[in-house]
Amino acid sequence: MSQDLSSISKNIKNGGKERREVSNTRYIAATGMLSAVAFLLMFFDFSVPFMPSFIKLDISELPALIGSFAMGPFYGVLICLVKNLLHLIRTSTGGVGELSNFIMGALLVFPAGLLYQKNKNRKTAALGTFVGIIVMALVSIPVNYFITYPFYTNFMPLDTIISMYQAILPSADSLLKCLVIFNVPFNIMKGLLVFMITMLVYKKVSPIIKGISKNR
């Protein structure tokens, strides 16, 4: 009898281990797929009316946010990392733009995925993403001020950069003002756009990522 119980316990443990291995393999494959999609989305950027023309909007954080919700915040951050590593093959910023993009994306998707894993519903998803958006928008100020824009000044004088902001709002007469007045709202808008699209497609793609049949 004790041998039977031991055998059953061993089979349960082995079964659990096999399921974890299958899940990990599936998540790794899903991370690769989502990273590739995120990389491709980086090519589809566009200007927005209230920002200087050199600042483009893209939704490449969309796959990372989906991955963060479906698999956990670690995978969301990993997708942000992989897409930017892939983008290094065509970088025009010496990796500075990719570093900034990774930091901003990770700050968005990590809080969102972390809170969602604790209580998986739309309210928590919205709350987590809102926290991520605010953190991303606020941290964008020092990241741009100390990392991104100092690099841009190697190719374009700071006065020229500020004048492009002033063409939209004349009172924006310093880089810090430009970042607060323009870049913070820009990042908030970007985060909200990514979240809204995620909510539209998440239920359709999450079963594929998790390997769960719709008929179950």
N, C-alpha and C. Protein backbone atom coordinates (compact mmCIF):
# COMPACT_ATOMS: atom_id res chain seq x y z
N MET A 1 0.83 -1.21 0.00
CA MET A 1 0.00 0.00 0.00
C MET A 1 0.86 1.26 0.00
N SER A 2 1.89 1.24 0.89
CA SER A 2 2.77 2.40 0.97
C SER A 2 3.52 2.59 -0.33
N GLN A 3 3.87 1.46 -1.00
CA GLN A 3 4.55 1.56 -2.28
C GLN A 3 3.64 2.18 -3.33
N ASP A 4 2.35 1.82 -3.29
CA ASP A 4 1.38 2.39 -4.23
C ASP A 4 1.26 3.89 -4.03
N LEU A 5 1.16 4.31 -2.75
CA LEU A 5 1.06 5.73 -2.46
C LEU A 5 2.31 6.47 -2.90
N SER A 6 3.46 5.85 -2.69
CA SER A 6 4.72 6.46 -3.10
C SER A 6 4.77 6.61 -4.61
N SER A 7 4.28 5.57 -5.30
CA SER A 7 4.27 5.60 -6.77
C SER A 7 3.34 6.69 -7.28
N ILE A 8 2.17 6.82 -6.65
CA ILE A 8 1.20 7.85 -7.05
C ILE A 8 1.78 9.24 -6.81
N SER A 9 2.42 9.41 -5.63
CA SER A 9 3.02 10.71 -5.31
C SER A 9 4.12 11.06 -6.31
N LYS A 10 4.91 10.06 -6.67
CA LYS A 10 5.99 10.28 -7.63
C LYS A 10 5.44 10.66 -8.99
N ASN A 11 4.36 9.98 -9.41
CA ASN A 11 3.74 10.29 -10.70
C ASN A 11 3.17 11.70 -10.73
N ILE A 12 2.58 12.11 -9.60
CA ILE A 12 2.02 13.47 -9.51
C ILE A 12 3.13 14.50 -9.63
N LYS A 13 4.24 14.25 -8.91
CA LYS A 13 5.36 15.18 -8.98
C LYS A 13 5.94 15.26 -10.37
N ASN A 14 6.08 14.08 -11.02
CA ASN A 14 6.63 14.05 -12.37
C ASN A 14 5.70 14.75 -13.35
N GLY A 15 4.40 14.53 -13.13
CA GLY A 15 3.41 15.19 -14.00
C GLY A 15 3.47 16.69 -13.86
N GLY A 16 3.61 17.16 -12.60
CA GLY A 16 3.71 18.60 -12.37
C GLY A 16 4.96 19.18 -12.99
N LYS A 17 6.06 18.42 -12.88
CA LYS A 17 7.32 18.88 -13.47
C LYS A 17 7.22 18.96 -14.98
N GLU A 18 6.59 17.97 -15.59
CA GLU A 18 6.43 17.96 -17.05
C GLU A 18 5.56 19.13 -17.50
N ARG A 19 4.50 19.41 -16.74
CA ARG A 19 3.63 20.54 -17.10
C ARG A 19 4.39 21.86 -17.02
N ARG A 20 5.22 22.00 -15.98
CA ARG A 20 6.02 23.23 -15.84
C ARG A 20 7.00 23.37 -17.00
N GLU A 21 7.61 22.23 -17.40
CA GLU A 21 8.57 22.27 -18.50
C GLU A 21 7.88 22.64 -19.80
N VAL A 22 6.69 22.08 -20.03
CA VAL A 22 5.93 22.41 -21.22
C VAL A 22 5.53 23.88 -21.21
N SER A 23 5.10 24.35 -20.02
CA SER A 23 4.70 25.75 -19.89
C SER A 23 5.88 26.68 -20.15
N ASN A 24 7.03 26.36 -19.57
CA ASN A 24 8.22 27.20 -19.78
C ASN A 24 8.63 27.23 -21.24
N THR A 25 8.58 26.07 -21.90
CA THR A 25 8.91 26.01 -23.32
C THR A 25 7.95 26.84 -24.14
N ARG A 26 6.67 26.74 -23.80
CA ARG A 26 5.66 27.51 -24.51
C ARG A 26 5.87 29.01 -24.30
N TYR A 27 6.20 29.39 -23.08
CA TYR A 27 6.42 30.81 -22.79
C TYR A 27 7.65 31.35 -23.50
N ILE A 28 8.69 30.54 -23.59
CA ILE A 28 9.89 30.97 -24.31
C ILE A 28 9.57 31.18 -25.79
N ALA A 29 8.81 30.24 -26.35
CA ALA A 29 8.41 30.37 -27.76
C ALA A 29 7.53 31.60 -27.96
N ALA A 30 6.59 31.82 -27.02
CA ALA A 30 5.70 32.98 -27.12
C ALA A 30 6.48 34.27 -26.97
N THR A 31 7.49 34.27 -26.11
CA THR A 31 8.33 35.46 -25.94
C THR A 31 9.06 35.80 -27.23
N GLY A 32 9.58 34.78 -27.89
CA GLY A 32 10.25 35.00 -29.17
C GLY A 32 9.30 35.55 -30.22
N MET A 33 8.10 34.98 -30.28
CA MET A 33 7.11 35.43 -31.26
C MET A 33 6.68 36.88 -30.99
N LEU A 34 6.38 37.19 -29.74
CA LEU A 34 5.94 38.54 -29.39
C LEU A 34 7.06 39.56 -29.57
N SER A 35 8.29 39.15 -29.30
CA SER A 35 9.44 40.04 -29.49
C SER A 35 9.60 40.38 -30.97
N ALA A 36 9.41 39.38 -31.84
CA ALA A 36 9.51 39.62 -33.27
C ALA A 36 8.43 40.57 -33.75
N VAL A 37 7.21 40.40 -33.24
CA VAL A 37 6.11 41.30 -33.61
C VAL A 37 6.40 42.71 -33.12
N ALA A 38 6.92 42.82 -31.89
CA ALA A 38 7.25 44.14 -31.33
C ALA A 38 8.33 44.82 -32.17
N PHE A 39 9.32 44.06 -32.59
CA PHE A 39 10.39 44.59 -33.43
C PHE A 39 9.82 45.13 -34.75
N LEU A 40 8.93 44.39 -35.35
CA LEU A 40 8.31 44.83 -36.62
C LEU A 40 7.47 46.09 -36.41
N LEU A 41 6.79 46.17 -35.28
CA LEU A 41 5.94 47.33 -35.01
C LEU A 41 6.76 48.61 -34.84
N MET A 42 8.04 48.47 -34.50
CA MET A 42 8.90 49.63 -34.35
C MET A 42 9.09 50.36 -35.68
N PHE A 43 8.89 49.64 -36.79
CA PHE A 43 9.04 50.25 -38.11
C PHE A 43 7.83 51.09 -38.50
N PHE A 44 6.70 50.84 -37.84
CA PHE A 44 5.47 51.54 -38.18
C PHE A 44 5.24 52.69 -37.19
N ASP A 45 6.06 53.71 -37.32
CA ASP A 45 5.92 54.88 -36.44
C ASP A 45 5.37 56.06 -37.24
N PHE A 46 4.84 57.03 -36.53
CA PHE A 46 4.24 58.17 -37.21
C PHE A 46 4.31 59.40 -36.31
N SER A 47 4.24 60.56 -36.94
CA SER A 47 4.27 61.82 -36.19
C SER A 47 2.89 62.11 -35.61
N VAL A 48 2.87 62.88 -34.55
CA VAL A 48 1.62 63.33 -33.95
C VAL A 48 1.59 64.85 -33.98
N PRO A 49 0.41 65.46 -34.07
CA PRO A 49 0.30 66.90 -34.32
C PRO A 49 0.97 67.80 -33.28
N PHE A 50 0.96 67.42 -32.00
CA PHE A 50 1.43 68.35 -30.97
C PHE A 50 2.89 68.13 -30.58
N MET A 51 3.61 67.31 -31.36
CA MET A 51 5.01 67.03 -31.06
C MET A 51 5.91 67.43 -32.22
N PRO A 52 7.16 67.80 -31.97
CA PRO A 52 8.10 68.08 -33.06
C PRO A 52 8.21 66.86 -33.99
N SER A 53 8.54 67.11 -35.23
CA SER A 53 8.52 66.05 -36.25
C SER A 53 9.54 64.95 -36.00
N PHE A 54 10.59 65.22 -35.23
CA PHE A 54 11.60 64.18 -35.00
C PHE A 54 11.17 63.16 -33.95
N ILE A 55 10.04 63.41 -33.27
CA ILE A 55 9.53 62.46 -32.29
C ILE A 55 8.39 61.67 -32.92
N LYS A 56 8.54 60.36 -32.94
CA LYS A 56 7.57 59.48 -33.58
C LYS A 56 6.86 58.61 -32.55
N LEU A 57 5.63 58.25 -32.87
CA LEU A 57 4.84 57.37 -32.01
C LEU A 57 4.74 55.99 -32.65
N ASP A 58 4.98 54.96 -31.85
CA ASP A 58 4.73 53.59 -32.31
C ASP A 58 4.08 52.82 -31.17
N ILE A 59 3.56 51.65 -31.47
CA ILE A 59 2.87 50.85 -30.47
C ILE A 59 3.61 49.52 -30.23
N SER A 60 4.94 49.58 -30.31
CA SER A 60 5.72 48.34 -30.19
C SER A 60 5.69 47.77 -28.78
N GLU A 61 5.18 48.53 -27.79
CA GLU A 61 5.01 47.96 -26.44
C GLU A 61 3.77 47.07 -26.34
N LEU A 62 2.95 47.07 -27.37
CA LEU A 62 1.72 46.27 -27.36
C LEU A 62 2.00 44.79 -27.10
N PRO A 63 2.88 44.13 -27.86
CA PRO A 63 3.16 42.71 -27.58
C PRO A 63 3.75 42.49 -26.18
N ALA A 64 4.55 43.45 -25.70
CA ALA A 64 5.15 43.32 -24.37
C ALA A 64 4.09 43.38 -23.28
N LEU A 65 3.10 44.27 -23.45
CA LEU A 65 2.03 44.37 -22.46
C LEU A 65 1.16 43.12 -22.48
N ILE A 66 0.89 42.61 -23.67
CA ILE A 66 0.14 41.36 -23.78
C ILE A 66 0.90 40.23 -23.10
N GLY A 67 2.20 40.15 -23.36
CA GLY A 67 3.01 39.11 -22.73
C GLY A 67 3.08 39.25 -21.23
N SER A 68 3.13 40.48 -20.75
CA SER A 68 3.18 40.73 -19.31
C SER A 68 1.90 40.27 -18.63
N PHE A 69 0.76 40.51 -19.27
CA PHE A 69 -0.51 40.05 -18.73
C PHE A 69 -0.63 38.53 -18.79
N ALA A 70 -0.24 37.94 -19.92
CA ALA A 70 -0.46 36.51 -20.15
C ALA A 70 0.53 35.64 -19.41
N MET A 71 1.79 36.09 -19.30
CA MET A 71 2.85 35.22 -18.75
C MET A 71 3.50 35.75 -17.49
N GLY A 72 3.36 37.05 -17.24
CA GLY A 72 3.97 37.65 -16.07
C GLY A 72 4.89 38.80 -16.44
N PRO A 73 5.19 39.67 -15.48
CA PRO A 73 5.96 40.89 -15.78
C PRO A 73 7.37 40.62 -16.28
N PHE A 74 8.00 39.52 -15.83
CA PHE A 74 9.34 39.21 -16.30
C PHE A 74 9.37 39.06 -17.82
N TYR A 75 8.37 38.36 -18.35
CA TYR A 75 8.33 38.12 -19.79
C TYR A 75 8.03 39.41 -20.56
N GLY A 76 7.22 40.28 -19.97
CA GLY A 76 6.95 41.56 -20.61
C GLY A 76 8.21 42.38 -20.76
N VAL A 77 9.01 42.43 -19.69
CA VAL A 77 10.28 43.16 -19.73
C VAL A 77 11.25 42.50 -20.71
N LEU A 78 11.25 41.17 -20.73
CA LEU A 78 12.14 40.44 -21.64
C LEU A 78 11.80 40.75 -23.10
N ILE A 79 10.52 40.86 -23.41
CA ILE A 79 10.10 41.21 -24.77
C ILE A 79 10.61 42.60 -25.13
N CYS A 80 10.50 43.54 -24.19
CA CYS A 80 11.03 44.89 -24.43
C CYS A 80 12.53 44.84 -24.71
N LEU A 81 13.24 44.00 -23.97
CA LEU A 81 14.69 43.89 -24.15
C LEU A 81 15.04 43.30 -25.50
N VAL A 82 14.39 42.19 -25.84
CA VAL A 82 14.73 41.49 -27.09
C VAL A 82 14.42 42.35 -28.31
N LYS A 83 13.29 43.04 -28.31
CA LYS A 83 12.94 43.86 -29.48
C LYS A 83 13.96 44.97 -29.68
N ASN A 84 14.49 45.53 -28.60
CA ASN A 84 15.49 46.59 -28.73
C ASN A 84 16.86 46.04 -29.11
N LEU A 85 17.19 44.84 -28.64
CA LEU A 85 18.42 44.21 -29.08
C LEU A 85 18.37 43.93 -30.58
N LEU A 86 17.22 43.49 -31.06
CA LEU A 86 17.05 43.26 -32.50
C LEU A 86 17.16 44.57 -33.28
N HIS A 87 16.63 45.64 -32.68
CA HIS A 87 16.63 46.94 -33.36
C HIS A 87 18.03 47.53 -33.46
N LEU A 88 18.97 47.02 -32.67
CA LEU A 88 20.34 47.52 -32.73
C LEU A 88 20.99 47.31 -34.09
N ILE A 89 20.47 46.35 -34.85
CA ILE A 89 21.07 46.09 -36.17
C ILE A 89 20.83 47.25 -37.14
N ARG A 90 19.88 48.11 -36.83
CA ARG A 90 19.62 49.25 -37.71
C ARG A 90 19.59 50.57 -36.93
N THR A 91 20.24 50.59 -35.79
CA THR A 91 20.19 51.79 -34.95
C THR A 91 20.89 52.97 -35.62
N SER A 92 20.34 54.14 -35.39
CA SER A 92 20.97 55.38 -35.84
C SER A 92 21.36 56.25 -34.65
N THR A 93 21.24 55.67 -33.45
CA THR A 93 21.51 56.43 -32.23
C THR A 93 22.61 55.80 -31.38
N GLY A 94 23.34 54.85 -31.94
CA GLY A 94 24.40 54.21 -31.18
C GLY A 94 23.91 53.43 -29.98
N GLY A 95 22.65 53.02 -30.01
CA GLY A 95 22.07 52.26 -28.91
C GLY A 95 21.38 53.11 -27.87
N VAL A 96 21.54 54.44 -27.94
CA VAL A 96 20.93 55.33 -26.94
C VAL A 96 19.41 55.30 -27.06
N GLY A 97 18.92 55.36 -28.29
CA GLY A 97 17.47 55.31 -28.50
C GLY A 97 16.88 54.00 -28.03
N GLU A 98 17.59 52.91 -28.28
CA GLU A 98 17.13 51.60 -27.86
C GLU A 98 17.13 51.47 -26.34
N LEU A 99 18.16 52.03 -25.70
CA LEU A 99 18.21 52.01 -24.23
C LEU A 99 17.02 52.77 -23.65
N SER A 100 16.76 53.94 -24.19
CA SER A 100 15.63 54.74 -23.72
C SER A 100 14.32 54.01 -23.94
N ASN A 101 14.17 53.41 -25.13
CA ASN A 101 12.93 52.69 -25.45
C ASN A 101 12.74 51.51 -24.51
N PHE A 102 13.82 50.81 -24.19
CA PHE A 102 13.72 49.67 -23.27
C PHE A 102 13.29 50.12 -21.88
N ILE A 103 13.91 51.18 -21.38
CA ILE A 103 13.57 51.67 -20.04
C ILE A 103 12.10 52.08 -19.98
N MET A 104 11.65 52.83 -20.97
CA MET A 104 10.27 53.29 -20.97
C MET A 104 9.29 52.12 -21.08
N GLY A 105 9.60 51.18 -21.96
CA GLY A 105 8.71 50.03 -22.13
C GLY A 105 8.65 49.17 -20.89
N ALA A 106 9.81 48.92 -20.27
CA ALA A 106 9.84 48.10 -19.06
C ALA A 106 9.07 48.75 -17.93
N LEU A 107 9.18 50.06 -17.80
CA LEU A 107 8.46 50.78 -16.75
C LEU A 107 6.95 50.72 -16.96
N LEU A 108 6.54 50.59 -18.21
CA LEU A 108 5.11 50.48 -18.50
C LEU A 108 4.58 49.08 -18.20
N VAL A 109 5.26 48.05 -18.70
CA VAL A 109 4.68 46.71 -18.67
C VAL A 109 4.91 45.98 -17.34
N PHE A 110 5.98 46.32 -16.61
CA PHE A 110 6.25 45.59 -15.38
C PHE A 110 5.19 45.82 -14.30
N PRO A 111 4.86 47.08 -13.95
CA PRO A 111 3.80 47.26 -12.95
C PRO A 111 2.46 46.69 -13.41
N ALA A 112 2.17 46.83 -14.69
CA ALA A 112 0.91 46.32 -15.22
C ALA A 112 0.81 44.81 -15.02
N GLY A 113 1.85 44.09 -15.43
CA GLY A 113 1.84 42.64 -15.28
C GLY A 113 1.90 42.18 -13.84
N LEU A 114 2.65 42.91 -13.02
CA LEU A 114 2.80 42.54 -11.61
C LEU A 114 1.47 42.60 -10.88
N LEU A 115 0.73 43.68 -11.05
CA LEU A 115 -0.56 43.82 -10.39
C LEU A 115 -1.59 42.87 -10.97
N TYR A 116 -1.55 42.67 -12.28
CA TYR A 116 -2.53 41.78 -12.93
C TYR A 116 -2.36 40.34 -12.46
N GLN A 117 -1.13 39.90 -12.22
CA GLN A 117 -0.92 38.52 -11.77
C GLN A 117 -1.51 38.28 -10.39
N LYS A 118 -1.65 39.32 -9.59
CA LYS A 118 -2.21 39.18 -8.25
C LYS A 118 -3.73 39.02 -8.27
N ASN A 119 -4.37 39.64 -9.25
CA ASN A 119 -5.83 39.56 -9.36
C ASN A 119 -6.21 39.80 -10.82
N LYS A 120 -6.48 38.72 -11.53
CA LYS A 120 -6.63 38.80 -12.98
C LYS A 120 -8.03 39.22 -13.39
N ASN A 121 -8.22 40.52 -13.47
CA ASN A 121 -9.47 41.07 -14.00
C ASN A 121 -9.17 42.40 -14.70
N ARG A 122 -10.16 42.92 -15.40
CA ARG A 122 -9.95 44.13 -16.19
C ARG A 122 -9.61 45.34 -15.31
N LYS A 123 -10.23 45.39 -14.13
CA LYS A 123 -9.97 46.51 -13.23
C LYS A 123 -8.52 46.55 -12.79
N THR A 124 -7.97 45.39 -12.43
CA THR A 124 -6.58 45.33 -12.01
C THR A 124 -5.64 45.60 -13.18
N ALA A 125 -6.01 45.09 -14.36
CA ALA A 125 -5.21 45.36 -15.56
C ALA A 125 -5.14 46.85 -15.83
N ALA A 126 -6.28 47.52 -15.70
CA ALA A 126 -6.32 48.97 -15.93
C ALA A 126 -5.52 49.72 -14.87
N LEU A 127 -5.66 49.30 -13.61
CA LEU A 127 -4.94 49.95 -12.52
C LEU A 127 -3.43 49.78 -12.69
N GLY A 128 -3.01 48.54 -12.98
CA GLY A 128 -1.59 48.28 -13.16
C GLY A 128 -1.00 49.05 -14.32
N THR A 129 -1.74 49.11 -15.42
CA THR A 129 -1.26 49.86 -16.58
C THR A 129 -1.21 51.35 -16.29
N PHE A 130 -2.20 51.85 -15.56
CA PHE A 130 -2.21 53.27 -15.19
C PHE A 130 -0.98 53.61 -14.34
N VAL A 131 -0.65 52.74 -13.40
CA VAL A 131 0.55 52.95 -12.59
C VAL A 131 1.78 52.96 -13.49
N GLY A 132 1.85 52.00 -14.41
CA GLY A 132 2.97 51.93 -15.33
C GLY A 132 3.08 53.16 -16.21
N ILE A 133 1.94 53.67 -16.68
CA ILE A 133 1.93 54.86 -17.52
C ILE A 133 2.48 56.07 -16.77
N ILE A 134 2.01 56.26 -15.54
CA ILE A 134 2.47 57.40 -14.74
C ILE A 134 3.97 57.30 -14.45
N VAL A 135 4.43 56.10 -14.06
CA VAL A 135 5.86 55.92 -13.79
C VAL A 135 6.68 56.18 -15.05
N MET A 136 6.23 55.61 -16.18
CA MET A 136 6.93 55.80 -17.45
C MET A 136 7.00 57.27 -17.82
N ALA A 137 5.89 57.98 -17.69
CA ALA A 137 5.85 59.39 -18.07
C ALA A 137 6.77 60.24 -17.20
N LEU A 138 6.78 59.97 -15.91
CA LEU A 138 7.62 60.76 -14.99
C LEU A 138 9.11 60.45 -15.20
N VAL A 139 9.44 59.18 -15.34
CA VAL A 139 10.84 58.80 -15.51
C VAL A 139 11.37 59.23 -16.87
N SER A 140 10.46 59.44 -17.84
CA SER A 140 10.90 59.89 -19.17
C SER A 140 11.61 61.24 -19.09
N ILE A 141 11.31 62.04 -18.06
CA ILE A 141 11.95 63.35 -17.93
C ILE A 141 13.45 63.21 -17.69
N PRO A 142 13.90 62.51 -16.63
CA PRO A 142 15.35 62.37 -16.44
C PRO A 142 16.03 61.54 -17.53
N VAL A 143 15.33 60.52 -18.05
CA VAL A 143 15.94 59.69 -19.10
C VAL A 143 16.23 60.53 -20.33
N ASN A 144 15.25 61.33 -20.74
CA ASN A 144 15.46 62.18 -21.92
C ASN A 144 16.45 63.30 -21.63
N TYR A 145 16.37 63.87 -20.44
CA TYR A 145 17.22 65.02 -20.10
C TYR A 145 18.70 64.63 -20.00
N PHE A 146 18.96 63.46 -19.40
CA PHE A 146 20.35 63.07 -19.13
C PHE A 146 20.92 62.07 -20.14
N ILE A 147 20.06 61.37 -20.88
CA ILE A 147 20.56 60.32 -21.79
C ILE A 147 20.25 60.62 -23.25
N THR A 148 18.95 60.73 -23.57
CA THR A 148 18.55 60.79 -24.97
C THR A 148 18.93 62.09 -25.65
N TYR A 149 18.54 63.22 -25.07
CA TYR A 149 18.77 64.50 -25.73
C TYR A 149 20.24 64.92 -25.76
N PRO A 150 21.03 64.60 -24.74
CA PRO A 150 22.47 64.87 -24.89
C PRO A 150 23.07 64.18 -26.10
N PHE A 151 22.55 62.99 -26.43
CA PHE A 151 23.03 62.32 -27.64
C PHE A 151 22.58 63.06 -28.89
N TYR A 152 21.31 63.50 -28.91
CA TYR A 152 20.79 64.22 -30.08
C TYR A 152 21.59 65.49 -30.37
N THR A 153 22.13 66.11 -29.31
CA THR A 153 22.86 67.37 -29.51
C THR A 153 24.19 67.15 -30.25
N ASN A 154 24.59 65.90 -30.42
CA ASN A 154 25.77 65.62 -31.24
C ASN A 154 25.49 65.87 -32.71
N PHE A 155 24.20 65.85 -33.07
CA PHE A 155 23.81 66.01 -34.46
C PHE A 155 23.00 67.28 -34.71
N MET A 156 22.40 67.80 -33.65
CA MET A 156 21.55 68.97 -33.78
C MET A 156 21.73 69.84 -32.53
N PRO A 157 22.04 71.12 -32.70
CA PRO A 157 22.22 72.00 -31.54
C PRO A 157 20.98 72.02 -30.64
N LEU A 158 21.21 72.14 -29.34
CA LEU A 158 20.10 72.16 -28.40
C LEU A 158 19.13 73.30 -28.70
N ASP A 159 19.66 74.46 -29.10
CA ASP A 159 18.79 75.59 -29.43
C ASP A 159 17.85 75.25 -30.58
N THR A 160 18.34 74.48 -31.54
CA THR A 160 17.51 74.06 -32.67
C THR A 160 16.41 73.11 -32.21
N ILE A 161 16.78 72.20 -31.31
CA ILE A 161 15.78 71.26 -30.78
C ILE A 161 14.69 72.03 -30.04
N ILE A 162 15.09 72.95 -29.17
CA ILE A 162 14.11 73.73 -28.40
C ILE A 162 13.25 74.58 -29.33
N SER A 163 13.85 75.12 -30.39
CA SER A 163 13.08 75.95 -31.32
C SER A 163 11.98 75.15 -32.02
N MET A 164 12.20 73.85 -32.21
CA MET A 164 11.17 72.99 -32.81
C MET A 164 9.98 72.83 -31.87
N TYR A 165 10.25 72.80 -30.57
CA TYR A 165 9.16 72.80 -29.59
C TYR A 165 8.48 74.17 -29.56
N GLN A 166 9.29 75.22 -29.63
CA GLN A 166 8.73 76.58 -29.56
C GLN A 166 7.86 76.92 -30.77
N ALA A 167 8.09 76.24 -31.87
CA ALA A 167 7.23 76.44 -33.04
C ALA A 167 5.79 76.03 -32.73
N ILE A 168 5.64 75.14 -31.75
CA ILE A 168 4.31 74.69 -31.32
C ILE A 168 3.83 75.51 -30.12
N LEU A 169 4.76 75.77 -29.18
CA LEU A 169 4.44 76.55 -27.99
C LEU A 169 5.62 77.48 -27.68
N PRO A 170 5.51 78.75 -28.02
CA PRO A 170 6.64 79.69 -27.86
C PRO A 170 7.19 79.78 -26.45
N SER A 171 6.36 79.55 -25.43
CA SER A 171 6.85 79.68 -24.04
C SER A 171 7.73 78.52 -23.60
N ALA A 172 7.85 77.48 -24.41
CA ALA A 172 8.71 76.34 -24.06
C ALA A 172 10.16 76.71 -24.39
N ASP A 173 10.80 77.43 -23.48
CA ASP A 173 12.11 78.02 -23.76
C ASP A 173 13.28 77.30 -23.10
N SER A 174 13.05 76.12 -22.54
CA SER A 174 14.13 75.32 -21.98
C SER A 174 13.83 73.85 -22.22
N LEU A 175 14.87 73.04 -22.19
CA LEU A 175 14.67 71.61 -22.44
C LEU A 175 13.77 70.99 -21.39
N LEU A 176 13.96 71.36 -20.14
CA LEU A 176 13.15 70.79 -19.07
C LEU A 176 11.67 71.12 -19.28
N LYS A 177 11.37 72.37 -19.65
CA LYS A 177 9.98 72.74 -19.94
C LYS A 177 9.43 71.92 -21.09
N CYS A 178 10.22 71.74 -22.12
CA CYS A 178 9.78 70.97 -23.28
C CYS A 178 9.42 69.54 -22.89
N LEU A 179 10.25 68.95 -22.06
CA LEU A 179 10.02 67.57 -21.66
C LEU A 179 8.76 67.45 -20.80
N VAL A 180 8.57 68.40 -19.90
CA VAL A 180 7.39 68.35 -19.02
C VAL A 180 6.11 68.65 -19.80
N ILE A 181 6.15 69.67 -20.65
CA ILE A 181 4.94 70.11 -21.35
C ILE A 181 4.56 69.18 -22.49
N PHE A 182 5.57 68.64 -23.18
CA PHE A 182 5.28 67.84 -24.37
C PHE A 182 5.49 66.34 -24.17
N ASN A 183 6.66 65.95 -23.67
CA ASN A 183 7.00 64.53 -23.64
C ASN A 183 6.20 63.74 -22.60
N VAL A 184 5.89 64.36 -21.48
CA VAL A 184 5.09 63.65 -20.48
C VAL A 184 3.70 63.33 -21.02
N PRO A 185 2.95 64.30 -21.56
CA PRO A 185 1.65 63.96 -22.16
C PRO A 185 1.77 62.96 -23.31
N PHE A 186 2.85 63.08 -24.09
CA PHE A 186 3.08 62.16 -25.20
C PHE A 186 3.17 60.72 -24.70
N ASN A 187 3.94 60.50 -23.63
CA ASN A 187 4.09 59.15 -23.09
C ASN A 187 2.79 58.64 -22.46
N ILE A 188 2.04 59.53 -21.84
CA ILE A 188 0.74 59.14 -21.29
C ILE A 188 -0.20 58.71 -22.42
N MET A 189 -0.24 59.49 -23.49
CA MET A 189 -1.09 59.14 -24.63
C MET A 189 -0.67 57.81 -25.24
N LYS A 190 0.64 57.61 -25.37
CA LYS A 190 1.15 56.36 -25.95
C LYS A 190 0.75 55.17 -25.08
N GLY A 191 0.93 55.30 -23.76
CA GLY A 191 0.57 54.22 -22.86
C GLY A 191 -0.91 53.88 -22.91
N LEU A 192 -1.75 54.91 -22.96
CA LEU A 192 -3.19 54.69 -23.03
C LEU A 192 -3.59 54.01 -24.34
N LEU A 193 -2.94 54.42 -25.43
CA LEU A 193 -3.23 53.81 -26.74
C LEU A 193 -2.86 52.33 -26.74
N VAL A 194 -1.69 52.02 -26.21
CA VAL A 194 -1.25 50.62 -26.14
C VAL A 194 -2.20 49.81 -25.27
N PHE A 195 -2.62 50.38 -24.16
CA PHE A 195 -3.53 49.65 -23.26
C PHE A 195 -4.88 49.40 -23.93
N MET A 196 -5.43 50.39 -24.60
CA MET A 196 -6.74 50.22 -25.25
C MET A 196 -6.70 49.13 -26.32
N ILE A 197 -5.63 49.12 -27.10
CA ILE A 197 -5.51 48.08 -28.12
C ILE A 197 -5.33 46.71 -27.47
N THR A 198 -4.57 46.66 -26.39
CA THR A 198 -4.38 45.41 -25.66
C THR A 198 -5.71 44.84 -25.19
N MET A 199 -6.55 45.69 -24.64
CA MET A 199 -7.86 45.25 -24.16
C MET A 199 -8.74 44.73 -25.29
N LEU A 200 -8.54 45.25 -26.48
CA LEU A 200 -9.34 44.81 -27.63
C LEU A 200 -8.92 43.43 -28.13
N VAL A 201 -7.64 43.10 -28.02
CA VAL A 201 -7.14 41.87 -28.64
C VAL A 201 -6.73 40.80 -27.63
N TYR A 202 -6.65 41.16 -26.34
CA TYR A 202 -6.05 40.24 -25.37
C TYR A 202 -6.78 38.90 -25.27
N LYS A 203 -8.09 38.93 -25.21
CA LYS A 203 -8.85 37.69 -25.06
C LYS A 203 -8.68 36.76 -26.25
N LYS A 204 -8.36 37.32 -27.39
CA LYS A 204 -8.19 36.50 -28.59
C LYS A 204 -6.81 35.87 -28.66
N VAL A 205 -5.81 36.57 -28.16
CA VAL A 205 -4.44 36.06 -28.31
C VAL A 205 -3.92 35.34 -27.07
N SER A 206 -4.45 35.66 -25.89
CA SER A 206 -3.92 35.04 -24.67
C SER A 206 -4.09 33.51 -24.64
N PRO A 207 -5.21 32.94 -25.15
CA PRO A 207 -5.29 31.47 -25.17
C PRO A 207 -4.21 30.84 -26.05
N ILE A 208 -3.82 31.52 -27.11
CA ILE A 208 -2.76 31.00 -27.98
C ILE A 208 -1.44 30.98 -27.24
N ILE A 209 -1.16 32.08 -26.52
CA ILE A 209 0.09 32.17 -25.76
C ILE A 209 0.14 31.11 -24.67
N LYS A 210 -0.97 30.91 -23.99
CA LYS A 210 -1.01 29.95 -22.89
C LYS A 210 -1.22 28.53 -23.35
N GLY A 211 -1.56 28.34 -24.64
CA GLY A 211 -1.78 27.00 -25.16
C GLY A 211 -3.08 26.39 -24.68
N ILE A 212 -4.08 27.24 -24.44
CA ILE A 212 -5.36 26.75 -23.93
C ILE A 212 -6.39 26.79 -25.04
N SER A 213 -7.04 25.68 -25.28
CA SER A 213 -8.06 25.62 -26.31
C SER A 213 -9.28 26.40 -25.89
N LYS A 214 -9.89 27.08 -26.84
CA LYS A 214 -11.12 27.83 -26.54
C LYS A 214 -12.27 26.91 -26.15
N ASN A 215 -12.17 25.65 -26.53
CA ASN A 215 -13.27 24.73 -26.26
C ASN A 215 -13.21 24.15 -24.86
N ARG A 216 -12.11 24.39 -24.16
CA ARG A 216 -12.00 23.83 -22.78
C ARG A 216 -12.82 24.63 -21.83
